[in-house]
Amino acid sequence: MVLYGWPAEGVGVWVLRYESEGDIPDDFGRLRLALTMEESIATMQEYDAEFAEDASQVPELRER
């Protein structure tokens, strides 16, 4: 599973990856409670999301 967070500043992308469902934290559902993208990104950061300044650096986005 791969999730993306696009900052309001329009620069870069946050990427959160999990290899399998077993890797997803038990409290992961709280990500759905975010009302804004900035709240989503803050929660993704708590789950160790990675930041890429350029979306073309993200393999999953290059494949699309």
PDB file of N, CA and C in Angstrom:
ATOM      1  N   MET A   1       0.847  -1.162   0.000  1.00  0.00           N
ATOM      2  CA  MET A   1       0.000   0.000   0.000  1.00  0.00           C
ATOM      3  C   MET A   1       0.899   1.233   0.000  1.00  0.00           C
ATOM      4  N   VAL A   2       0.513   2.215  -0.795  1.00  0.00           N
ATOM      5  CA  VAL A   2       1.257   3.473  -0.864  1.00  0.00           C
ATOM      6  C   VAL A   2       0.254   4.616  -0.757  1.00  0.00           C
ATOM      7  N   LEU A   3       0.550   5.568   0.134  1.00  0.00           N
ATOM      8  CA  LEU A   3      -0.267   6.769   0.286  1.00  0.00           C
ATOM      9  C   LEU A   3       0.583   7.985  -0.014  1.00  0.00           C
ATOM     10  N   TYR A   4      -0.046   9.021  -0.562  1.00  0.00           N
ATOM     11  CA  TYR A   4       0.663  10.241  -0.918  1.00  0.00           C
ATOM     12  C   TYR A   4       0.042  11.424  -0.203  1.00  0.00           C
ATOM     13  N   GLY A   5       0.881  12.377   0.153  1.00  0.00           N
ATOM     14  CA  GLY A   5       0.422  13.630   0.736  1.00  0.00           C
ATOM     15  C   GLY A   5       1.050  14.779  -0.025  1.00  0.00           C
ATOM     16  N   TRP A   6       0.207  15.622  -0.578  1.00  0.00           N
ATOM     17  CA  TRP A   6       0.673  16.748  -1.396  1.00  0.00           C
ATOM     18  C   TRP A   6       0.566  18.034  -0.577  1.00  0.00           C
ATOM     19  N   PRO A   7       1.695  18.617  -0.168  1.00  0.00           N
ATOM     20  CA  PRO A   7       1.670  19.834   0.653  1.00  0.00           C
ATOM     21  C   PRO A   7       0.988  21.005  -0.062  1.00  0.00           C
ATOM     22  N   ALA A   8       0.353  21.864   0.733  1.00  0.00           N
ATOM     23  CA  ALA A   8      -0.351  23.026   0.193  1.00  0.00           C
ATOM     24  C   ALA A   8       0.606  23.977  -0.529  1.00  0.00           C
ATOM     25  N   GLU A   9       1.866  23.988  -0.133  1.00  0.00           N
ATOM     26  CA  GLU A   9       2.853  24.866  -0.773  1.00  0.00           C
ATOM     27  C   GLU A   9       3.106  24.458  -2.220  1.00  0.00           C
ATOM     28  N   GLY A  10       2.697  23.252  -2.572  1.00  0.00           N
ATOM     29  CA  GLY A  10       2.873  22.782  -3.942  1.00  0.00           C
ATOM     30  C   GLY A  10       4.263  22.268  -4.259  1.00  0.00           C
ATOM     31  N   VAL A  11       5.077  22.064  -3.237  1.00  0.00           N
ATOM     32  CA  VAL A  11       6.437  21.575  -3.457  1.00  0.00           C
ATOM     33  C   VAL A  11       6.582  20.204  -2.826  1.00  0.00           C
ATOM     34  N   GLY A  12       6.975  19.229  -3.610  1.00  0.00           N
ATOM     35  CA  GLY A  12       7.260  17.903  -3.095  1.00  0.00           C
ATOM     36  C   GLY A  12       6.021  17.065  -2.826  1.00  0.00           C
ATOM     37  N   VAL A  13       6.300  15.873  -2.299  1.00  0.00           N
ATOM     38  CA  VAL A  13       5.238  14.920  -1.966  1.00  0.00           C
ATOM     39  C   VAL A  13       5.714  14.055  -0.797  1.00  0.00           C
ATOM     40  N   TRP A  14       4.803  13.764   0.120  1.00  0.00           N
ATOM     41  CA  TRP A  14       5.065  12.830   1.203  1.00  0.00           C
ATOM     42  C   TRP A  14       4.581  11.457   0.770  1.00  0.00           C
ATOM     43  N   VAL A  15       5.369  10.426   1.061  1.00  0.00           N
ATOM     44  CA  VAL A  15       5.044   9.064   0.632  1.00  0.00           C
ATOM     45  C   VAL A  15       5.114   8.134   1.845  1.00  0.00           C
ATOM     46  N   LEU A  16       4.050   7.382   2.032  1.00  0.00           N
ATOM     47  CA  LEU A  16       3.992   6.403   3.114  1.00  0.00           C
ATOM     48  C   LEU A  16       3.754   5.042   2.487  1.00  0.00           C
ATOM     49  N   ARG A  17       4.675   4.117   2.741  1.00  0.00           N
ATOM     50  CA  ARG A  17       4.617   2.790   2.121  1.00  0.00           C
ATOM     51  C   ARG A  17       4.514   1.688   3.183  1.00  0.00           C
ATOM     52  N   TYR A  18       3.716   0.677   2.844  1.00  0.00           N
ATOM     53  CA  TYR A  18       3.654  -0.548   3.644  1.00  0.00           C
ATOM     54  C   TYR A  18       3.697  -1.725   2.685  1.00  0.00           C
ATOM     55  N   GLU A  19       4.572  -2.670   2.977  1.00  0.00           N
ATOM     56  CA  GLU A  19       4.738  -3.847   2.119  1.00  0.00           C
ATOM     57  C   GLU A  19       3.521  -4.764   2.154  1.00  0.00           C
ATOM     58  N   SER A  20       2.937  -4.912   3.350  1.00  0.00           N
ATOM     59  CA  SER A  20       1.785  -5.810   3.481  1.00  0.00           C
ATOM     60  C   SER A  20       0.823  -5.247   4.516  1.00  0.00           C
ATOM     61  N   GLU A  21      -0.376  -5.790   4.543  1.00  0.00           N
ATOM     62  CA  GLU A  21      -1.379  -5.344   5.509  1.00  0.00           C
ATOM     63  C   GLU A  21      -0.919  -5.593   6.939  1.00  0.00           C
ATOM     64  N   GLY A  22      -0.099  -6.597   7.134  1.00  0.00           N
ATOM     65  CA  GLY A  22       0.421  -6.902   8.462  1.00  0.00           C
ATOM     66  C   GLY A  22       1.351  -5.833   9.000  1.00  0.00           C
ATOM     67  N   ASP A  23       1.897  -5.001   8.128  1.00  0.00           N
ATOM     68  CA  ASP A  23       2.806  -3.930   8.534  1.00  0.00           C
ATOM     69  C   ASP A  23       2.071  -2.664   8.962  1.00  0.00           C
ATOM     70  N   ILE A  24       0.788  -2.573   8.642  1.00  0.00           N
ATOM     71  CA  ILE A  24       0.011  -1.372   8.936  1.00  0.00           C
ATOM     72  C   ILE A  24      -0.265  -1.302  10.439  1.00  0.00           C
ATOM     73  N   PRO A  25       0.007  -0.150  11.075  1.00  0.00           N
ATOM     74  CA  PRO A  25      -0.233  -0.014  12.521  1.00  0.00           C
ATOM     75  C   PRO A  25      -1.712  -0.187  12.876  1.00  0.00           C
ATOM     76  N   ASP A  26      -1.964  -0.656  14.079  1.00  0.00           N
ATOM     77  CA  ASP A  26      -3.332  -0.894  14.540  1.00  0.00           C
ATOM     78  C   ASP A  26      -4.183   0.378  14.542  1.00  0.00           C
ATOM     79  N   ASP A  27      -3.560   1.518  14.817  1.00  0.00           N
ATOM     80  CA  ASP A  27      -4.321   2.772  14.896  1.00  0.00           C
ATOM     81  C   ASP A  27      -4.293   3.567  13.586  1.00  0.00           C
ATOM     82  N   PHE A  28      -4.002   2.907  12.503  1.00  0.00           N
ATOM     83  CA  PHE A  28      -3.865   3.558  11.202  1.00  0.00           C
ATOM     84  C   PHE A  28      -5.158   4.235  10.745  1.00  0.00           C
ATOM     85  N   GLY A  29      -6.295   3.763  11.197  1.00  0.00           N
ATOM     86  CA  GLY A  29      -7.582   4.326  10.810  1.00  0.00           C
ATOM     87  C   GLY A  29      -7.733   5.794  11.179  1.00  0.00           C
ATOM     88  N   ARG A  30      -6.933   6.264  12.134  1.00  0.00           N
ATOM     89  CA  ARG A  30      -7.047   7.665  12.520  1.00  0.00           C
ATOM     90  C   ARG A  30      -6.620   8.600  11.398  1.00  0.00           C
ATOM     91  N   LEU A  31      -5.914   8.084  10.417  1.00  0.00           N
ATOM     92  CA  LEU A  31      -5.540   8.900   9.257  1.00  0.00           C
ATOM     93  C   LEU A  31      -6.789   9.379   8.520  1.00  0.00           C
ATOM     94  N   ARG A  32      -7.838   8.575   8.560  1.00  0.00           N
ATOM     95  CA  ARG A  32      -9.097   8.962   7.902  1.00  0.00           C
ATOM     96  C   ARG A  32      -9.818  10.093   8.620  1.00  0.00           C
ATOM     97  N   LEU A  33      -9.426  10.375   9.846  1.00  0.00           N
ATOM     98  CA  LEU A  33     -10.069  11.445  10.614  1.00  0.00           C
ATOM     99  C   LEU A  33      -9.526  12.826  10.253  1.00  0.00           C
ATOM    100  N   ALA A  34      -8.450  12.873   9.490  1.00  0.00           N
ATOM    101  CA  ALA A  34      -7.872  14.161   9.094  1.00  0.00           C
ATOM    102  C   ALA A  34      -8.854  14.921   8.208  1.00  0.00           C
ATOM    103  N   LEU A  35      -8.991  16.206   8.492  1.00  0.00           N
ATOM    104  CA  LEU A  35      -9.913  17.039   7.729  1.00  0.00           C
ATOM    105  C   LEU A  35      -9.227  17.769   6.578  1.00  0.00           C
ATOM    106  N   THR A  36      -7.917  17.915   6.671  1.00  0.00           N
ATOM    107  CA  THR A  36      -7.169  18.619   5.626  1.00  0.00           C
ATOM    108  C   THR A  36      -5.969  17.774   5.212  1.00  0.00           C
ATOM    109  N   MET A  37      -5.400  18.123   4.085  1.00  0.00           N
ATOM    110  CA  MET A  37      -4.201  17.413   3.636  1.00  0.00           C
ATOM    111  C   MET A  37      -3.055  17.640   4.621  1.00  0.00           C
ATOM    112  N   GLU A  38      -2.971  18.835   5.195  1.00  0.00           N
ATOM    113  CA  GLU A  38      -1.899  19.112   6.158  1.00  0.00           C
ATOM    114  C   GLU A  38      -2.035  18.217   7.392  1.00  0.00           C
ATOM    115  N   GLU A  39      -3.253  17.963   7.846  1.00  0.00           N
ATOM    116  CA  GLU A  39      -3.465  17.035   8.960  1.00  0.00           C
ATOM    117  C   GLU A  39      -3.079  15.612   8.555  1.00  0.00           C
ATOM    118  N   SER A  40      -3.411  15.237   7.342  1.00  0.00           N
ATOM    119  CA  SER A  40      -3.042  13.906   6.839  1.00  0.00           C
ATOM    120  C   SER A  40      -1.533  13.756   6.803  1.00  0.00           C
ATOM    121  N   ILE A  41      -0.853  14.779   6.316  1.00  0.00           N
ATOM    122  CA  ILE A  41       0.612  14.731   6.227  1.00  0.00           C
ATOM    123  C   ILE A  41       1.228  14.630   7.623  1.00  0.00           C
ATOM    124  N   ALA A  42       0.691  15.386   8.583  1.00  0.00           N
ATOM    125  CA  ALA A  42       1.220  15.327   9.953  1.00  0.00           C
ATOM    126  C   ALA A  42       1.099  13.907  10.509  1.00  0.00           C
ATOM    127  N   THR A  43      -0.018  13.253  10.248  1.00  0.00           N
ATOM    128  CA  THR A  43      -0.210  11.879  10.716  1.00  0.00           C
ATOM    129  C   THR A  43       0.715  10.930   9.950  1.00  0.00           C
ATOM    130  N   MET A  44       0.846  11.131   8.647  1.00  0.00           N
ATOM    131  CA  MET A  44       1.748  10.291   7.855  1.00  0.00           C
ATOM    132  C   MET A  44       3.177  10.404   8.377  1.00  0.00           C
ATOM    133  N   GLN A  45       3.586  11.598   8.791  1.00  0.00           N
ATOM    134  CA  GLN A  45       4.931  11.781   9.336  1.00  0.00           C
ATOM    135  C   GLN A  45       5.122  10.979  10.615  1.00  0.00           C
ATOM    136  N   GLU A  46       4.064  10.875  11.418  1.00  0.00           N
ATOM    137  CA  GLU A  46       4.139  10.067  12.637  1.00  0.00           C
ATOM    138  C   GLU A  46       4.379   8.598  12.298  1.00  0.00           C
ATOM    139  N   TYR A  47       3.949   8.178  11.112  1.00  0.00           N
ATOM    140  CA  TYR A  47       4.148   6.795  10.660  1.00  0.00           C
ATOM    141  C   TYR A  47       5.393   6.662   9.783  1.00  0.00           C
ATOM    142  N   ASP A  48       6.291   7.650   9.862  1.00  0.00           N
ATOM    143  CA  ASP A  48       7.583   7.620   9.163  1.00  0.00           C
ATOM    144  C   ASP A  48       7.473   7.746   7.656  1.00  0.00           C
ATOM    145  N   ALA A  49       6.572   8.597   7.191  1.00  0.00           N
ATOM    146  CA  ALA A  49       6.489   8.872   5.755  1.00  0.00           C
ATOM    147  C   ALA A  49       7.786   9.538   5.301  1.00  0.00           C
ATOM    148  N   GLU A  50       8.108   9.353   4.039  1.00  0.00           N
ATOM    149  CA  GLU A  50       9.317   9.946   3.449  1.00  0.00           C
ATOM    150  C   GLU A  50       8.913  11.132   2.584  1.00  0.00           C
ATOM    151  N   PHE A  51       9.776  12.153   2.545  1.00  0.00           N
ATOM    152  CA  PHE A  51       9.514  13.327   1.727  1.00  0.00           C
ATOM    153  C   PHE A  51      10.418  13.319   0.502  1.00  0.00           C
ATOM    154  N   ALA A  52       9.835  13.605  -0.648  1.00  0.00           N
ATOM    155  CA  ALA A  52      10.602  13.756  -1.885  1.00  0.00           C
ATOM    156  C   ALA A  52      10.314  15.159  -2.427  1.00  0.00           C
ATOM    157  N   GLU A  53      11.360  15.948  -2.623  1.00  0.00           N
ATOM    158  CA  GLU A  53      11.177  17.304  -3.143  1.00  0.00           C
ATOM    159  C   GLU A  53      10.595  17.310  -4.545  1.00  0.00           C
ATOM    160  N   ASP A  54      10.918  16.278  -5.287  1.00  0.00           N
ATOM    161  CA  ASP A  54      10.474  16.178  -6.679  1.00  0.00           C
ATOM    162  C   ASP A  54       9.691  14.870  -6.835  1.00  0.00           C
ATOM    163  N   ALA A  55       8.440  14.966  -7.260  1.00  0.00           N
ATOM    164  CA  ALA A  55       7.602  13.777  -7.403  1.00  0.00           C
ATOM    165  C   ALA A  55       8.197  12.769  -8.371  1.00  0.00           C
ATOM    166  N   SER A  56       9.037  13.215  -9.289  1.00  0.00           N
ATOM    167  CA  SER A  56       9.652  12.276 -10.235  1.00  0.00           C
ATOM    168  C   SER A  56      10.681  11.379  -9.543  1.00  0.00           C
ATOM    169  N   GLN A  57      11.024  11.689  -8.289  1.00  0.00           N
ATOM    170  CA  GLN A  57      11.935  10.839  -7.514  1.00  0.00           C
ATOM    171  C   GLN A  57      11.207   9.644  -6.899  1.00  0.00           C
ATOM    172  N   VAL A  58       9.895   9.649  -6.951  1.00  0.00           N
ATOM    173  CA  VAL A  58       9.083   8.588  -6.349  1.00  0.00           C
ATOM    174  C   VAL A  58       8.780   7.535  -7.410  1.00  0.00           C
ATOM    175  N   PRO A  59       9.336   6.337  -7.282  1.00  0.00           N
ATOM    176  CA  PRO A  59       9.163   5.299  -8.318  1.00  0.00           C
ATOM    177  C   PRO A  59       7.710   5.029  -8.678  1.00  0.00           C
ATOM    178  N   GLU A  60       6.829   4.968  -7.686  1.00  0.00           N
ATOM    179  CA  GLU A  60       5.430   4.650  -7.959  1.00  0.00           C
ATOM    180  C   GLU A  60       4.756   5.729  -8.804  1.00  0.00           C
ATOM    181  N   LEU A  61       5.204   6.953  -8.712  1.00  0.00           N
ATOM    182  CA  LEU A  61       4.616   8.034  -9.501  1.00  0.00           C
ATOM    183  C   LEU A  61       5.207   8.095 -10.901  1.00  0.00           C
ATOM    184  N   ARG A  62       6.406   7.610 -11.072  1.00  0.00           N
ATOM    185  CA  ARG A  62       7.020   7.557 -12.402  1.00  0.00           C
ATOM    186  C   ARG A  62       6.340   6.508 -13.271  1.00  0.00           C
ATOM    187  N   GLU A  63       5.810   5.467 -12.637  1.00  0.00           N
ATOM    188  CA  GLU A  63       5.191   4.364 -13.373  1.00  0.00           C
ATOM    189  C   GLU A  63       3.841   4.739 -13.955  1.00  0.00           C
ATOM    190  N   ARG A  64       3.245   5.826 -13.485  1.00  0.00           N
ATOM    191  CA  ARG A  64       1.893   6.211 -13.917  1.00  0.00           C
ATOM    192  C   ARG A  64       1.908   7.009 -15.159  1.00  0.00           C
TER     193      ARG A  64
END
